[in-house]
Amino acid sequence: MFGATVTFTVLAICTAVAGFFTWERNKGLSFLLGGATIVLSSIALILAFVGAVVGFLKFLPILLLLVGCYILYRRLGSAR
């Protein structure tokens, strides 16, 4: 997921730079490259968000285990 995010980010940067430098010679191509930049950066943003959610979900079982142990400790500790 991280590799795809970096790839789409680099592609978005390349199309943005190409669109910037082609403005004087070919405005139509510059507009197309601007649209490609928007699409590529949107994909990169979505992949980054999904990667962050997946990263959190990897640690969720550990968090649930710790919460379960804490609840058990509190319940068994107050049973006296």
PDB file of N, CA and C in Angstrom:
ATOM      1  N   MET A   1       0.828  -1.184   0.000  1.00  0.00           N
ATOM      2  CA  MET A   1       0.000   0.000   0.000  1.00  0.00           C
ATOM      3  C   MET A   1       0.878   1.255   0.000  1.00  0.00           C
ATOM      4  N   PHE A   2       1.949   1.224   0.787  1.00  0.00           N
ATOM      5  CA  PHE A   2       2.826   2.393   0.867  1.00  0.00           C
ATOM      6  C   PHE A   2       3.533   2.636  -0.461  1.00  0.00           C
ATOM      7  N   GLY A   3       3.953   1.553  -1.129  1.00  0.00           N
ATOM      8  CA  GLY A   3       4.638   1.692  -2.409  1.00  0.00           C
ATOM      9  C   GLY A   3       3.745   2.316  -3.469  1.00  0.00           C
ATOM     10  N   ALA A   4       2.476   1.909  -3.485  1.00  0.00           N
ATOM     11  CA  ALA A   4       1.536   2.475  -4.453  1.00  0.00           C
ATOM     12  C   ALA A   4       1.283   3.953  -4.157  1.00  0.00           C
ATOM     13  N   THR A   5       1.201   4.310  -2.892  1.00  0.00           N
ATOM     14  CA  THR A   5       1.001   5.712  -2.522  1.00  0.00           C
ATOM     15  C   THR A   5       2.175   6.568  -2.992  1.00  0.00           C
ATOM     16  N   VAL A   6       3.381   6.077  -2.765  1.00  0.00           N
ATOM     17  CA  VAL A   6       4.572   6.821  -3.189  1.00  0.00           C
ATOM     18  C   VAL A   6       4.624   6.917  -4.717  1.00  0.00           C
ATOM     19  N   THR A   7       4.283   5.831  -5.404  1.00  0.00           N
ATOM     20  CA  THR A   7       4.297   5.834  -6.865  1.00  0.00           C
ATOM     21  C   THR A   7       3.325   6.860  -7.428  1.00  0.00           C
ATOM     22  N   PHE A   8       2.094   6.867  -6.921  1.00  0.00           N
ATOM     23  CA  PHE A   8       1.108   7.820  -7.420  1.00  0.00           C
ATOM     24  C   PHE A   8       1.479   9.256  -7.050  1.00  0.00           C
ATOM     25  N   THR A   9       2.112   9.448  -5.913  1.00  0.00           N
ATOM     26  CA  THR A   9       2.554  10.789  -5.525  1.00  0.00           C
ATOM     27  C   THR A   9       3.646  11.290  -6.461  1.00  0.00           C
ATOM     28  N   VAL A  10       4.608  10.423  -6.780  1.00  0.00           N
ATOM     29  CA  VAL A  10       5.680  10.810  -7.698  1.00  0.00           C
ATOM     30  C   VAL A  10       5.120  11.095  -9.090  1.00  0.00           C
ATOM     31  N   LEU A  11       4.176  10.268  -9.549  1.00  0.00           N
ATOM     32  CA  LEU A  11       3.552  10.517 -10.846  1.00  0.00           C
ATOM     33  C   LEU A  11       2.786  11.841 -10.855  1.00  0.00           C
ATOM     34  N   ALA A  12       2.101  12.147  -9.756  1.00  0.00           N
ATOM     35  CA  ALA A  12       1.380  13.419  -9.660  1.00  0.00           C
ATOM     36  C   ALA A  12       2.346  14.597  -9.694  1.00  0.00           C
ATOM     37  N   ILE A  13       3.469  14.466  -9.034  1.00  0.00           N
ATOM     38  CA  ILE A  13       4.468  15.540  -9.046  1.00  0.00           C
ATOM     39  C   ILE A  13       5.025  15.726 -10.450  1.00  0.00           C
ATOM     40  N   CYS A  14       5.310  14.614 -11.139  1.00  0.00           N
ATOM     41  CA  CYS A  14       5.848  14.704 -12.505  1.00  0.00           C
ATOM     42  C   CYS A  14       4.849  15.351 -13.463  1.00  0.00           C
ATOM     43  N   THR A  15       3.579  14.981 -13.356  1.00  0.00           N
ATOM     44  CA  THR A  15       2.595  15.590 -14.249  1.00  0.00           C
ATOM     45  C   THR A  15       2.364  17.059 -13.910  1.00  0.00           C
ATOM     46  N   ALA A  16       2.457  17.414 -12.641  1.00  0.00           N
ATOM     47  CA  ALA A  16       2.301  18.820 -12.257  1.00  0.00           C
ATOM     48  C   ALA A  16       3.449  19.657 -12.809  1.00  0.00           C
ATOM     49  N   VAL A  17       4.663  19.138 -12.703  1.00  0.00           N
ATOM     50  CA  VAL A  17       5.822  19.868 -13.226  1.00  0.00           C
ATOM     51  C   VAL A  17       5.733  19.982 -14.745  1.00  0.00           C
ATOM     52  N   ALA A  18       5.341  18.891 -15.403  1.00  0.00           N
ATOM     53  CA  ALA A  18       5.208  18.929 -16.863  1.00  0.00           C
ATOM     54  C   ALA A  18       4.111  19.907 -17.284  1.00  0.00           C
ATOM     55  N   GLY A  19       3.007  19.924 -16.571  1.00  0.00           N
ATOM     56  CA  GLY A  19       1.938  20.865 -16.875  1.00  0.00           C
ATOM     57  C   GLY A  19       2.358  22.307 -16.672  1.00  0.00           C
ATOM     58  N   PHE A  20       3.158  22.547 -15.655  1.00  0.00           N
ATOM     59  CA  PHE A  20       3.638  23.904 -15.390  1.00  0.00           C
ATOM     60  C   PHE A  20       4.546  24.402 -16.512  1.00  0.00           C
ATOM     61  N   PHE A  21       5.447  23.538 -16.963  1.00  0.00           N
ATOM     62  CA  PHE A  21       6.419  23.972 -17.962  1.00  0.00           C
ATOM     63  C   PHE A  21       5.886  23.933 -19.396  1.00  0.00           C
ATOM     64  N   THR A  22       4.736  23.295 -19.640  1.00  0.00           N
ATOM     65  CA  THR A  22       4.176  23.296 -20.992  1.00  0.00           C
ATOM     66  C   THR A  22       3.117  24.377 -21.185  1.00  0.00           C
ATOM     67  N   TRP A  23       2.878  25.189 -20.187  1.00  0.00           N
ATOM     68  CA  TRP A  23       1.816  26.187 -20.266  1.00  0.00           C
ATOM     69  C   TRP A  23       2.044  27.183 -21.401  1.00  0.00           C
ATOM     70  N   GLU A  24       3.246  27.647 -21.571  1.00  0.00           N
ATOM     71  CA  GLU A  24       3.534  28.667 -22.590  1.00  0.00           C
ATOM     72  C   GLU A  24       3.401  28.119 -24.009  1.00  0.00           C
ATOM     73  N   ARG A  25       3.768  26.854 -24.226  1.00  0.00           N
ATOM     74  CA  ARG A  25       3.773  26.302 -25.574  1.00  0.00           C
ATOM     75  C   ARG A  25       2.468  25.623 -25.953  1.00  0.00           C
ATOM     76  N   ASN A  26       1.807  24.966 -25.009  1.00  0.00           N
ATOM     77  CA  ASN A  26       0.618  24.187 -25.344  1.00  0.00           C
ATOM     78  C   ASN A  26      -0.335  24.194 -24.140  1.00  0.00           C
ATOM     79  N   LYS A  27      -1.284  25.109 -24.162  1.00  0.00           N
ATOM     80  CA  LYS A  27      -2.189  25.262 -23.021  1.00  0.00           C
ATOM     81  C   LYS A  27      -3.145  24.073 -22.878  1.00  0.00           C
ATOM     82  N   GLY A  28      -3.547  23.472 -23.995  1.00  0.00           N
ATOM     83  CA  GLY A  28      -4.435  22.316 -23.941  1.00  0.00           C
ATOM     84  C   GLY A  28      -3.778  21.128 -23.252  1.00  0.00           C
ATOM     85  N   LEU A  29      -2.526  20.866 -23.614  1.00  0.00           N
ATOM     86  CA  LEU A  29      -1.786  19.790 -22.964  1.00  0.00           C
ATOM     87  C   LEU A  29      -1.575  20.097 -21.489  1.00  0.00           C
ATOM     88  N   SER A  30      -1.350  21.346 -21.180  1.00  0.00           N
ATOM     89  CA  SER A  30      -1.163  21.748 -19.783  1.00  0.00           C
ATOM     90  C   SER A  30      -2.429  21.494 -18.972  1.00  0.00           C
ATOM     91  N   PHE A  31      -3.594  21.783 -19.565  1.00  0.00           N
ATOM     92  CA  PHE A  31      -4.849  21.493 -18.871  1.00  0.00           C
ATOM     93  C   PHE A  31      -5.041  19.992 -18.673  1.00  0.00           C
ATOM     94  N   LEU A  32      -4.703  19.202 -19.674  1.00  0.00           N
ATOM     95  CA  LEU A  32      -4.809  17.738 -19.541  1.00  0.00           C
ATOM     96  C   LEU A  32      -3.881  17.212 -18.446  1.00  0.00           C
ATOM     97  N   LEU A  33      -2.680  17.752 -18.418  1.00  0.00           N
ATOM     98  CA  LEU A  33      -1.742  17.335 -17.374  1.00  0.00           C
ATOM     99  C   LEU A  33      -2.210  17.787 -15.990  1.00  0.00           C
ATOM    100  N   GLY A  34      -2.858  18.933 -15.927  1.00  0.00           N
ATOM    101  CA  GLY A  34      -3.436  19.376 -14.649  1.00  0.00           C
ATOM    102  C   GLY A  34      -4.537  18.438 -14.183  1.00  0.00           C
ATOM    103  N   GLY A  35      -5.373  17.993 -15.114  1.00  0.00           N
ATOM    104  CA  GLY A  35      -6.406  17.022 -14.760  1.00  0.00           C
ATOM    105  C   GLY A  35      -5.816  15.701 -14.317  1.00  0.00           C
ATOM    106  N   ALA A  36      -4.754  15.266 -15.013  1.00  0.00           N
ATOM    107  CA  ALA A  36      -4.079  14.025 -14.614  1.00  0.00           C
ATOM    108  C   ALA A  36      -3.461  14.177 -13.225  1.00  0.00           C
ATOM    109  N   THR A  37      -2.947  15.365 -12.933  1.00  0.00           N
ATOM    110  CA  THR A  37      -2.377  15.619 -11.606  1.00  0.00           C
ATOM    111  C   THR A  37      -3.445  15.489 -10.528  1.00  0.00           C
ATOM    112  N   ILE A  38      -4.628  16.028 -10.795  1.00  0.00           N
ATOM    113  CA  ILE A  38      -5.718  15.945  -9.824  1.00  0.00           C
ATOM    114  C   ILE A  38      -6.128  14.491  -9.595  1.00  0.00           C
ATOM    115  N   VAL A  39      -6.251  13.728 -10.680  1.00  0.00           N
ATOM    116  CA  VAL A  39      -6.646  12.318 -10.551  1.00  0.00           C
ATOM    117  C   VAL A  39      -5.583  11.519  -9.794  1.00  0.00           C
ATOM    118  N   LEU A  40      -4.322  11.687 -10.183  1.00  0.00           N
ATOM    119  CA  LEU A  40      -3.246  10.926  -9.537  1.00  0.00           C
ATOM    120  C   LEU A  40      -3.082  11.296  -8.063  1.00  0.00           C
ATOM    121  N   SER A  41      -3.201  12.572  -7.746  1.00  0.00           N
ATOM    122  CA  SER A  41      -3.065  12.972  -6.345  1.00  0.00           C
ATOM    123  C   SER A  41      -4.267  12.508  -5.524  1.00  0.00           C
ATOM    124  N   SER A  42      -5.445  12.438  -6.134  1.00  0.00           N
ATOM    125  CA  SER A  42      -6.617  11.913  -5.425  1.00  0.00           C
ATOM    126  C   SER A  42      -6.436  10.434  -5.111  1.00  0.00           C
ATOM    127  N   ILE A  43      -5.922   9.681  -6.075  1.00  0.00           N
ATOM    128  CA  ILE A  43      -5.658   8.258  -5.837  1.00  0.00           C
ATOM    129  C   ILE A  43      -4.620   8.089  -4.734  1.00  0.00           C
ATOM    130  N   ALA A  44      -3.569   8.900  -4.768  1.00  0.00           N
ATOM    131  CA  ALA A  44      -2.533   8.824  -3.734  1.00  0.00           C
ATOM    132  C   ALA A  44      -3.112   9.143  -2.354  1.00  0.00           C
ATOM    133  N   LEU A  45      -3.999  10.123  -2.292  1.00  0.00           N
ATOM    134  CA  LEU A  45      -4.618  10.494  -1.017  1.00  0.00           C
ATOM    135  C   LEU A  45      -5.497   9.367  -0.488  1.00  0.00           C
ATOM    136  N   ILE A  46      -6.288   8.758  -1.356  1.00  0.00           N
ATOM    137  CA  ILE A  46      -7.151   7.649  -0.930  1.00  0.00           C
ATOM    138  C   ILE A  46      -6.313   6.464  -0.467  1.00  0.00           C
ATOM    139  N   LEU A  47      -5.248   6.150  -1.201  1.00  0.00           N
ATOM    140  CA  LEU A  47      -4.386   5.031  -0.798  1.00  0.00           C
ATOM    141  C   LEU A  47      -3.693   5.310   0.533  1.00  0.00           C
ATOM    142  N   ALA A  48      -3.300   6.557   0.765  1.00  0.00           N
ATOM    143  CA  ALA A  48      -2.676   6.904   2.043  1.00  0.00           C
ATOM    144  C   ALA A  48      -3.672   6.738   3.185  1.00  0.00           C
ATOM    145  N   PHE A  49      -4.913   7.158   2.972  1.00  0.00           N
ATOM    146  CA  PHE A  49      -5.939   7.013   4.006  1.00  0.00           C
ATOM    147  C   PHE A  49      -6.226   5.540   4.291  1.00  0.00           C
ATOM    148  N   VAL A  50      -6.372   4.749   3.231  1.00  0.00           N
ATOM    149  CA  VAL A  50      -6.639   3.314   3.407  1.00  0.00           C
ATOM    150  C   VAL A  50      -5.456   2.644   4.108  1.00  0.00           C
ATOM    151  N   GLY A  51      -4.242   3.040   3.756  1.00  0.00           N
ATOM    152  CA  GLY A  51      -3.055   2.488   4.422  1.00  0.00           C
ATOM    153  C   GLY A  51      -3.022   2.815   5.904  1.00  0.00           C
ATOM    154  N   ALA A  52      -3.456   4.020   6.262  1.00  0.00           N
ATOM    155  CA  ALA A  52      -3.492   4.396   7.679  1.00  0.00           C
ATOM    156  C   ALA A  52      -4.543   3.584   8.432  1.00  0.00           C
ATOM    157  N   VAL A  53      -5.696   3.359   7.806  1.00  0.00           N
ATOM    158  CA  VAL A  53      -6.747   2.560   8.449  1.00  0.00           C
ATOM    159  C   VAL A  53      -6.286   1.119   8.627  1.00  0.00           C
ATOM    160  N   VAL A  54      -5.647   0.572   7.600  1.00  0.00           N
ATOM    161  CA  VAL A  54      -5.146  -0.804   7.689  1.00  0.00           C
ATOM    162  C   VAL A  54      -4.072  -0.900   8.769  1.00  0.00           C
ATOM    163  N   GLY A  55      -3.219   0.106   8.858  1.00  0.00           N
ATOM    164  CA  GLY A  55      -2.198   0.120   9.905  1.00  0.00           C
ATOM    165  C   GLY A  55      -2.809   0.124  11.294  1.00  0.00           C
ATOM    166  N   PHE A  56      -3.900   0.859  11.468  1.00  0.00           N
ATOM    167  CA  PHE A  56      -4.569   0.873  12.770  1.00  0.00           C
ATOM    168  C   PHE A  56      -5.220  -0.478  13.052  1.00  0.00           C
ATOM    169  N   LEU A  57      -5.822  -1.077  12.032  1.00  0.00           N
ATOM    170  CA  LEU A  57      -6.505  -2.353  12.231  1.00  0.00           C
ATOM    171  C   LEU A  57      -5.543  -3.490  12.558  1.00  0.00           C
ATOM    172  N   LYS A  58      -4.279  -3.338  12.200  1.00  0.00           N
ATOM    173  CA  LYS A  58      -3.285  -4.348  12.566  1.00  0.00           C
ATOM    174  C   LYS A  58      -3.057  -4.366  14.075  1.00  0.00           C
ATOM    175  N   PHE A  59      -3.155  -3.211  14.717  1.00  0.00           N
ATOM    176  CA  PHE A  59      -2.908  -3.122  16.152  1.00  0.00           C
ATOM    177  C   PHE A  59      -4.180  -3.263  16.985  1.00  0.00           C
ATOM    178  N   LEU A  60      -5.325  -3.330  16.347  1.00  0.00           N
ATOM    179  CA  LEU A  60      -6.588  -3.438  17.069  1.00  0.00           C
ATOM    180  C   LEU A  60      -6.682  -4.714  17.911  1.00  0.00           C
ATOM    181  N   PRO A  61      -6.278  -5.896  17.436  1.00  0.00           N
ATOM    182  CA  PRO A  61      -6.341  -7.081  18.301  1.00  0.00           C
ATOM    183  C   PRO A  61      -5.476  -6.964  19.555  1.00  0.00           C
ATOM    184  N   ILE A  62      -4.318  -6.339  19.431  1.00  0.00           N
ATOM    185  CA  ILE A  62      -3.458  -6.141  20.598  1.00  0.00           C
ATOM    186  C   ILE A  62      -4.143  -5.211  21.592  1.00  0.00           C
ATOM    187  N   LEU A  63      -4.753  -4.156  21.090  1.00  0.00           N
ATOM    188  CA  LEU A  63      -5.476  -3.226  21.952  1.00  0.00           C
ATOM    189  C   LEU A  63      -6.643  -3.925  22.644  1.00  0.00           C
ATOM    190  N   LEU A  64      -7.385  -4.738  21.903  1.00  0.00           N
ATOM    191  CA  LEU A  64      -8.503  -5.464  22.498  1.00  0.00           C
ATOM    192  C   LEU A  64      -8.031  -6.464  23.537  1.00  0.00           C
ATOM    193  N   LEU A  65      -6.898  -7.115  23.303  1.00  0.00           N
ATOM    194  CA  LEU A  65      -6.335  -8.037  24.288  1.00  0.00           C
ATOM    195  C   LEU A  65      -5.968  -7.302  25.573  1.00  0.00           C
ATOM    196  N   LEU A  66      -5.350  -6.146  25.446  1.00  0.00           N
ATOM    197  CA  LEU A  66      -4.980  -5.377  26.633  1.00  0.00           C
ATOM    198  C   LEU A  66      -6.209  -4.891  27.392  1.00  0.00           C
ATOM    199  N   VAL A  67      -7.227  -4.454  26.685  1.00  0.00           N
ATOM    200  CA  VAL A  67      -8.462  -4.002  27.338  1.00  0.00           C
ATOM    201  C   VAL A  67      -9.139  -5.169  28.035  1.00  0.00           C
ATOM    202  N   GLY A  68      -9.166  -6.326  27.387  1.00  0.00           N
ATOM    203  CA  GLY A  68      -9.762  -7.512  28.001  1.00  0.00           C
ATOM    204  C   GLY A  68      -9.019  -7.935  29.259  1.00  0.00           C
ATOM    205  N   CYS A  69      -7.701  -7.902  29.218  1.00  0.00           N
ATOM    206  CA  CYS A  69      -6.905  -8.246  30.404  1.00  0.00           C
ATOM    207  C   CYS A  69      -7.150  -7.247  31.535  1.00  0.00           C
ATOM    208  N   TYR A  70      -7.269  -5.972  31.189  1.00  0.00           N
ATOM    209  CA  TYR A  70      -7.527  -4.954  32.196  1.00  0.00           C
ATOM    210  C   TYR A  70      -8.895  -5.165  32.846  1.00  0.00           C
ATOM    211  N   ILE A  71      -9.914  -5.460  32.044  1.00  0.00           N
ATOM    212  CA  ILE A  71     -11.258  -5.696  32.585  1.00  0.00           C
ATOM    213  C   ILE A  71     -11.255  -6.924  33.481  1.00  0.00           C
ATOM    214  N   LEU A  72     -10.584  -7.981  33.043  1.00  0.00           N
ATOM    215  CA  LEU A  72     -10.498  -9.193  33.853  1.00  0.00           C
ATOM    216  C   LEU A  72      -9.779  -8.910  35.173  1.00  0.00           C
ATOM    217  N   TYR A  73      -8.707  -8.153  35.118  1.00  0.00           N
ATOM    218  CA  TYR A  73      -7.959  -7.803  36.314  1.00  0.00           C
ATOM    219  C   TYR A  73      -8.823  -7.008  37.290  1.00  0.00           C
ATOM    220  N   ARG A  74      -9.593  -6.062  36.769  1.00  0.00           N
ATOM    221  CA  ARG A  74     -10.454  -5.247  37.630  1.00  0.00           C
ATOM    222  C   ARG A  74     -11.563  -6.083  38.246  1.00  0.00           C
ATOM    223  N   ARG A  75     -12.153  -6.990  37.467  1.00  0.00           N
ATOM    224  CA  ARG A  75     -13.259  -7.812  37.974  1.00  0.00           C
ATOM    225  C   ARG A  75     -12.761  -8.832  38.975  1.00  0.00           C
ATOM    226  N   LEU A  76     -11.641  -9.481  38.698  1.00  0.00           N
ATOM    227  CA  LEU A  76     -11.123 -10.495  39.623  1.00  0.00           C
ATOM    228  C   LEU A  76     -10.495  -9.840  40.855  1.00  0.00           C
ATOM    229  N   GLY A  77      -9.999  -8.643  40.695  1.00  0.00           N
ATOM    230  CA  GLY A  77      -9.385  -7.935  41.824  1.00  0.00           C
ATOM    231  C   GLY A  77     -10.415  -7.410  42.809  1.00  0.00           C
ATOM    232  N   SER A  78     -11.622  -7.125  42.331  1.00  0.00           N
ATOM    233  CA  SER A  78     -12.653  -6.593  43.225  1.00  0.00           C
ATOM    234  C   SER A  78     -13.584  -7.684  43.743  1.00  0.00           C
ATOM    235  N   ALA A  79     -13.280  -8.950  43.490  1.00  0.00           N
ATOM    236  CA  ALA A  79     -14.140 -10.063  43.911  1.00  0.00           C
ATOM    237  C   ALA A  79     -13.896 -10.441  45.369  1.00  0.00           C
ATOM    238  N   ARG A  80     -13.005  -9.854  46.050  1.00  0.00           N
ATOM    239  CA  ARG A  80     -12.673 -10.223  47.434  1.00  0.00           C
ATOM    240  C   ARG A  80     -13.755  -9.899  48.388  1.00  0.00           C
TER     241      ARG A  80
END
